[in-house]
C-alpha atoms as a PDB file:
ATOM      1  CA  UNK A   1      38.504 127.421  -1.336  1.00  0.00           C
ATOM      2  CA  UNK A   2      39.319 123.763  -0.422  1.00  0.00           C
ATOM      3  CA  UNK A   3      38.269 122.572  -3.880  1.00  0.00           C
ATOM      4  CA  UNK A   4      40.702 124.968  -5.568  1.00  0.00           C
ATOM      5  CA  UNK A   5      43.627 123.921  -3.358  1.00  0.00           C
ATOM      6  CA  UNK A   6      42.948 120.190  -3.669  1.00  0.00           C
ATOM      7  CA  UNK A   7      42.519 120.345  -7.441  1.00  0.00           C
ATOM      8  CA  UNK A   8      45.765 122.328  -7.730  1.00  0.00           C
ATOM      9  CA  UNK A   9      47.472 119.543  -5.780  1.00  0.00           C
ATOM     10  CA  UNK A  10      46.171 116.922  -8.231  1.00  0.00           C
ATOM     11  CA  UNK A  11      43.045 115.623  -6.505  1.00  0.00           C
ATOM     12  CA  UNK A  12      39.795 114.996  -8.358  1.00  0.00           C
ATOM     13  CA  UNK A  13      37.154 116.902  -6.401  1.00  0.00           C
ATOM     14  CA  UNK A  14      33.370 116.605  -6.627  1.00  0.00           C
ATOM     15  CA  UNK A  15      31.207 119.070  -4.734  1.00  0.00           C
ATOM     16  CA  UNK A  16      27.615 118.950  -3.498  1.00  0.00           C
ATOM     17  CA  UNK A  17      25.729 121.839  -1.918  1.00  0.00           C
ATOM     18  CA  UNK A  18      22.971 119.903  -0.111  1.00  0.00           C
ATOM     19  CA  UNK A  19      22.907 116.786   2.010  1.00  0.00           C
ATOM     20  CA  UNK A  20      20.803 114.681  -0.385  1.00  0.00           C
ATOM     21  CA  UNK A  21      22.966 115.739  -3.339  1.00  0.00           C
ATOM     22  CA  UNK A  22      26.087 114.830  -1.353  1.00  0.00           C
ATOM     23  CA  UNK A  23      24.758 111.417  -0.403  1.00  0.00           C
ATOM     24  CA  UNK A  24      23.781 110.722  -4.010  1.00  0.00           C
ATOM     25  CA  UNK A  25      27.229 111.819  -5.193  1.00  0.00           C
ATOM     26  CA  UNK A  26      28.978 109.590  -2.643  1.00  0.00           C
ATOM     27  CA  UNK A  27      26.860 106.575  -3.680  1.00  0.00           C
ATOM     28  CA  UNK A  28      27.607 107.177  -7.364  1.00  0.00           C
ATOM     29  CA  UNK A  29      31.304 108.120  -7.218  1.00  0.00           C
ATOM     30  CA  UNK A  30      32.455 105.988  -4.250  1.00  0.00           C
ATOM     31  CA  UNK A  31      35.352 108.327  -3.399  1.00  0.00           C
ATOM     32  CA  UNK A  32      38.393 107.379  -1.353  1.00  0.00           C
ATOM     33  CA  UNK A  33      37.648 110.216   1.080  1.00  0.00           C
ATOM     34  CA  UNK A  34      34.779 112.548   1.915  1.00  0.00           C
ATOM     35  CA  UNK A  35      35.310 115.967   3.483  1.00  0.00           C
ATOM     36  CA  UNK A  36      31.902 116.159   5.151  1.00  0.00           C
ATOM     37  CA  UNK A  37      30.414 119.368   6.494  1.00  0.00           C
ATOM     38  CA  UNK A  38      28.082 118.889   9.449  1.00  0.00           C
ATOM     39  CA  UNK A  39      25.704 121.683   8.457  1.00  0.00           C
ATOM     40  CA  UNK A  40      24.163 121.069   5.046  1.00  0.00           C
ATOM     41  CA  UNK A  41      20.711 122.003   3.761  1.00  0.00           C
ATOM     42  CA  UNK A  42      18.032 119.278   3.898  1.00  0.00           C
ATOM     43  CA  UNK A  43      20.260 116.630   5.545  1.00  0.00           C
ATOM     44  CA  UNK A  44      23.095 117.129   8.029  1.00  0.00           C
ATOM     45  CA  UNK A  45      26.518 115.552   7.743  1.00  0.00           C
ATOM     46  CA  UNK A  46      25.945 113.174  10.655  1.00  0.00           C
ATOM     47  CA  UNK A  47      22.847 111.831   8.855  1.00  0.00           C
ATOM     48  CA  UNK A  48      24.894 111.301   5.698  1.00  0.00           C
ATOM     49  CA  UNK A  49      27.631 109.511   7.639  1.00  0.00           C
ATOM     50  CA  UNK A  50      25.096 107.312   9.425  1.00  0.00           C
ATOM     51  CA  UNK A  51      23.568 106.351   6.080  1.00  0.00           C
ATOM     52  CA  UNK A  52      27.004 105.630   4.585  1.00  0.00           C
ATOM     53  CA  UNK A  53      28.033 103.350   7.419  1.00  0.00           C
ATOM     54  CA  UNK A  54      24.810 101.294   7.157  1.00  0.00           C
ATOM     55  CA  UNK A  55      25.655 100.210   3.610  1.00  0.00           C
ATOM     56  CA  UNK A  56      28.523  98.157   2.201  1.00  0.00           C
ATOM     57  CA  UNK A  57      29.311 100.828  -0.384  1.00  0.00           C
ATOM     58  CA  UNK A  58      30.014 103.389   2.370  1.00  0.00           C
ATOM     59  CA  UNK A  59      31.664 101.376   5.136  1.00  0.00           C
ATOM     60  CA  UNK A  60      35.263 101.813   3.988  1.00  0.00           C
ATOM     61  CA  UNK A  61      35.206 105.380   2.702  1.00  0.00           C
ATOM     62  CA  UNK A  62      37.470 107.651   4.734  1.00  0.00           C
ATOM     63  CA  UNK A  63      35.634 110.624   6.239  1.00  0.00           C
ATOM     64  CA  UNK A  64      36.899 113.901   7.629  1.00  0.00           C
ATOM     65  CA  UNK A  65      34.185 115.807   9.476  1.00  0.00           C
ATOM     66  CA  UNK A  66      34.461 119.563   8.932  1.00  0.00           C
ATOM     67  CA  UNK A  67      32.475 121.714  11.335  1.00  0.00           C
ATOM     68  CA  UNK A  68      32.159 125.177  12.774  1.00  0.00           C
ATOM     69  CA  UNK A  69      31.740 123.830  16.316  1.00  0.00           C
ATOM     70  CA  UNK A  70      34.025 121.866  18.600  1.00  0.00           C
ATOM     71  CA  UNK A  71      33.659 118.107  18.809  1.00  0.00           C
ATOM     72  CA  UNK A  72      32.068 118.543  22.248  1.00  0.00           C
ATOM     73  CA  UNK A  73      29.211 120.461  20.631  1.00  0.00           C
ATOM     74  CA  UNK A  74      28.760 118.091  17.691  1.00  0.00           C
ATOM     75  CA  UNK A  75      25.584 115.993  17.390  1.00  0.00           C
ATOM     76  CA  UNK A  76      25.619 113.165  19.945  1.00  0.00           C
ATOM     77  CA  UNK A  77      25.208 110.367  17.380  1.00  0.00           C
ATOM     78  CA  UNK A  78      28.377 111.425  15.594  1.00  0.00           C
ATOM     79  CA  UNK A  79      30.340 109.895  18.469  1.00  0.00           C
ATOM     80  CA  UNK A  80      28.799 106.513  17.615  1.00  0.00           C
ATOM     81  CA  UNK A  81      29.911 106.606  13.984  1.00  0.00           C
ATOM     82  CA  UNK A  82      33.255 105.792  12.411  1.00  0.00           C
ATOM     83  CA  UNK A  83      35.224 108.668  10.882  1.00  0.00           C
ATOM     84  CA  UNK A  84      38.901 109.462  10.459  1.00  0.00           C
ATOM     85  CA  UNK A  85      39.174 113.005  11.781  1.00  0.00           C
ATOM     86  CA  UNK A  86      37.074 115.836  13.160  1.00  0.00           C
ATOM     87  CA  UNK A  87      38.218 119.356  12.377  1.00  0.00           C
ATOM     88  CA  UNK A  88      36.972 122.827  13.172  1.00  0.00           C
ATOM     89  CA  UNK A  89      37.182 124.592   9.820  1.00  0.00           C
ATOM     90  CA  UNK A  90      38.327 127.918  11.271  1.00  0.00           C
ATOM     91  CA  UNK A  91      41.445 126.226  12.671  1.00  0.00           C
ATOM     92  CA  UNK A  92      42.707 124.853   9.318  1.00  0.00           C
ATOM     93  CA  UNK A  93      44.024 126.525   6.191  1.00  0.00           C
ATOM     94  CA  UNK A  94      43.411 124.912   2.793  1.00  0.00           C
ATOM     95  CA  UNK A  95      47.057 123.821   2.825  1.00  0.00           C
ATOM     96  CA  UNK A  96      46.611 122.095   6.178  1.00  0.00           C
ATOM     97  CA  UNK A  97      43.468 120.376   4.884  1.00  0.00           C
ATOM     98  CA  UNK A  98      45.507 119.117   1.924  1.00  0.00           C
ATOM     99  CA  UNK A  99      48.186 117.751   4.269  1.00  0.00           C
ATOM    100  CA  UNK A 100      45.573 116.082   6.481  1.00  0.00           C
ATOM    101  CA  UNK A 101      43.805 114.437   3.538  1.00  0.00           C
ATOM    102  CA  UNK A 102      47.106 113.320   2.006  1.00  0.00           C
ATOM    103  CA  UNK A 103      48.148 111.761   5.300  1.00  0.00           C
ATOM    104  CA  UNK A 104      44.864 109.862   5.715  1.00  0.00           C
ATOM    105  CA  UNK A 105      44.960 108.556   2.152  1.00  0.00           C
ATOM    106  CA  UNK A 106      48.626 107.569   2.486  1.00  0.00           C
ATOM    107  CA  UNK A 107      47.906 105.614   5.671  1.00  0.00           C
ATOM    108  CA  UNK A 108      44.925 103.946   4.028  1.00  0.00           C
ATOM    109  CA  UNK A 109      47.007 102.726   1.098  1.00  0.00           C
ATOM    110  CA  UNK A 110      49.839 101.463   3.298  1.00  0.00           C
ATOM    111  CA  UNK A 111      47.741  99.593   5.836  1.00  0.00           C
ATOM    112  CA  UNK A 112      48.961  96.078   6.366  1.00  0.00           C
ATOM    113  CA  UNK A 113      47.421  93.980   3.648  1.00  0.00           C
ATOM    114  CA  UNK A 114      48.938  90.541   3.437  1.00  0.00           C
ATOM    115  CA  UNK A 115      49.179  88.543   0.236  1.00  0.00           C
ATOM    116  CA  UNK A 116      50.337  84.997   0.781  1.00  0.00           C
ATOM    117  CA  UNK A 117      51.136  82.070  -1.486  1.00  0.00           C
ATOM    118  CA  UNK A 118      52.465  79.036   0.430  1.00  0.00           C
ATOM    119  CA  UNK A 119      55.996  80.244   1.324  1.00  0.00           C
ATOM    120  CA  UNK A 120      55.656  83.847   0.155  1.00  0.00           C
ATOM    121  CA  UNK A 121      54.220  86.645   2.275  1.00  0.00           C
ATOM    122  CA  UNK A 122      54.079  90.286   1.158  1.00  0.00           C
ATOM    123  CA  UNK A 123      53.272  93.183   3.474  1.00  0.00           C
ATOM    124  CA  UNK A 124      53.397  96.837   2.453  1.00  0.00           C
ATOM    125  CA  UNK A 125      56.380  98.830   3.674  1.00  0.00           C
ATOM    126  CA  UNK A 126      55.363 101.438   6.255  1.00  0.00           C
END
């Protein structure tokens, strides 16, 4: 359902059905953003995120955690890891997921990156 909406909006979407397959896909593709389900066969989303954040290739990838439980009931170690948003899937339509992802990616590309050359300084416009 999310894949269809995101592809219709112009995103390239790769999908994995198990934790190990997802981790392998993330390592290989190095996406700008991962919509990460907490409950996956053979390896949970928090384990994937922990593995990503331990390696240079995964430190800067934006992550939206998608779960069926509130953040209060999420695995304790998730609170120690860096991610962009936590959502309860039942509370978001595919259109709202698209808007959320678009917003995160837009903010990521407009973060203040400074390029300087003696008297010239360029900052992105917010």
